[in-house]
Amino acid sequence: MIQVALSYLKGWPKKRQKKADAAAAEAYEEAGIVGKVGQKPIGSYTYWKRGVGEFERLQVLVYPLQVTKQRGVA
């Protein structure tokens, strides 16, 4: 069975890190899943994030992720 998840790039990539790789890292950090990430986003959305005394509009990129392993599952 092939499992597919969507990985949301909500943070900022590290220096010289590809956005798709940052999305895969985010999927592991937030959901404990590992897999093969698509190199092109399949969508995006924006939201308002509250900061100190202000709001900032951010764009989130959505990448497909073919799940191969999940933390805590054999």
Protein backbone atom coordinates (compact mmCIF):
# COMPACT_ATOMS: atom_id res chain seq x y z
CA MET A 1 0.00 0.00 0.00
CA ILE A 2 1.29 3.46 -0.89
CA GLN A 3 0.63 6.20 1.62
CA VAL A 4 0.72 9.78 0.50
CA ALA A 5 0.74 12.77 2.80
CA LEU A 6 0.95 16.47 2.23
CA SER A 7 3.86 18.31 3.77
CA TYR A 8 3.42 21.97 4.58
CA LEU A 9 6.42 24.25 4.52
CA LYS A 10 5.49 26.76 7.23
CA GLY A 11 8.94 27.61 8.54
CA TRP A 12 11.95 29.07 6.86
CA PRO A 13 14.45 26.76 5.13
CA LYS A 14 17.97 26.64 6.50
CA LYS A 15 20.72 28.21 4.41
CA ARG A 16 21.16 26.37 1.10
CA GLN A 17 18.30 23.99 1.94
CA LYS A 18 15.81 23.32 -0.84
CA LYS A 19 12.22 24.20 0.00
CA ALA A 20 11.08 20.63 -0.73
CA ASP A 21 13.70 19.25 1.68
CA ALA A 22 12.58 21.73 4.34
CA ALA A 23 8.99 20.52 3.85
CA ALA A 24 10.14 16.90 4.33
CA ALA A 25 11.97 17.90 7.52
CA GLU A 26 8.83 19.66 8.74
CA ALA A 27 6.80 16.48 8.10
CA TYR A 28 9.22 14.49 10.23
CA GLU A 29 9.31 17.06 13.03
CA GLU A 30 5.54 17.53 13.18
CA ALA A 31 4.17 14.08 12.25
CA GLY A 32 7.10 11.68 12.49
CA ILE A 33 6.83 10.61 8.86
CA VAL A 34 9.63 10.03 6.37
CA GLY A 35 9.37 9.54 2.64
CA LYS A 36 10.06 10.80 -0.84
CA VAL A 37 9.06 14.42 -1.25
CA GLY A 38 8.00 15.94 -4.58
CA GLN A 39 10.31 18.70 -5.76
CA LYS A 40 7.52 21.06 -6.87
CA PRO A 41 4.74 22.40 -4.66
CA ILE A 42 1.23 21.23 -5.55
CA GLY A 43 -0.44 24.21 -3.94
CA SER A 44 -0.17 27.02 -1.47
CA TYR A 45 -2.23 29.12 0.90
CA THR A 46 -1.75 32.24 2.96
CA TYR A 47 -2.57 33.02 6.56
CA TRP A 48 -2.09 35.78 9.08
CA LYS A 49 0.39 35.17 11.89
CA ARG A 50 0.32 37.28 15.01
CA GLY A 51 3.62 38.81 15.98
CA VAL A 52 4.55 41.26 18.69
CA GLY A 53 2.06 44.07 18.21
CA GLU A 54 1.42 43.26 14.55
CA PHE A 55 0.18 40.65 12.10
CA GLU A 56 2.20 39.26 9.21
CA ARG A 57 0.74 37.56 6.13
CA LEU A 58 2.65 34.36 5.31
CA GLN A 59 2.50 31.98 2.37
CA VAL A 60 2.63 28.23 2.98
CA LEU A 61 3.79 25.88 0.19
CA VAL A 62 2.28 22.38 0.03
CA TYR A 63 4.44 19.47 -1.18
CA PRO A 64 3.40 15.85 -1.81
CA LEU A 65 5.19 13.23 0.29
CA GLN A 66 5.14 9.49 -0.41
CA VAL A 67 5.39 8.02 3.08
CA THR A 68 7.86 5.18 3.55
CA LYS A 69 8.20 5.17 7.34
CA GLN A 70 6.44 6.51 10.39
CA ARG A 71 8.09 7.08 13.75
CA GLY A 72 6.92 4.52 16.30
CA VAL A 73 5.47 2.14 13.66
CA ALA A 74 7.34 -0.99 12.62
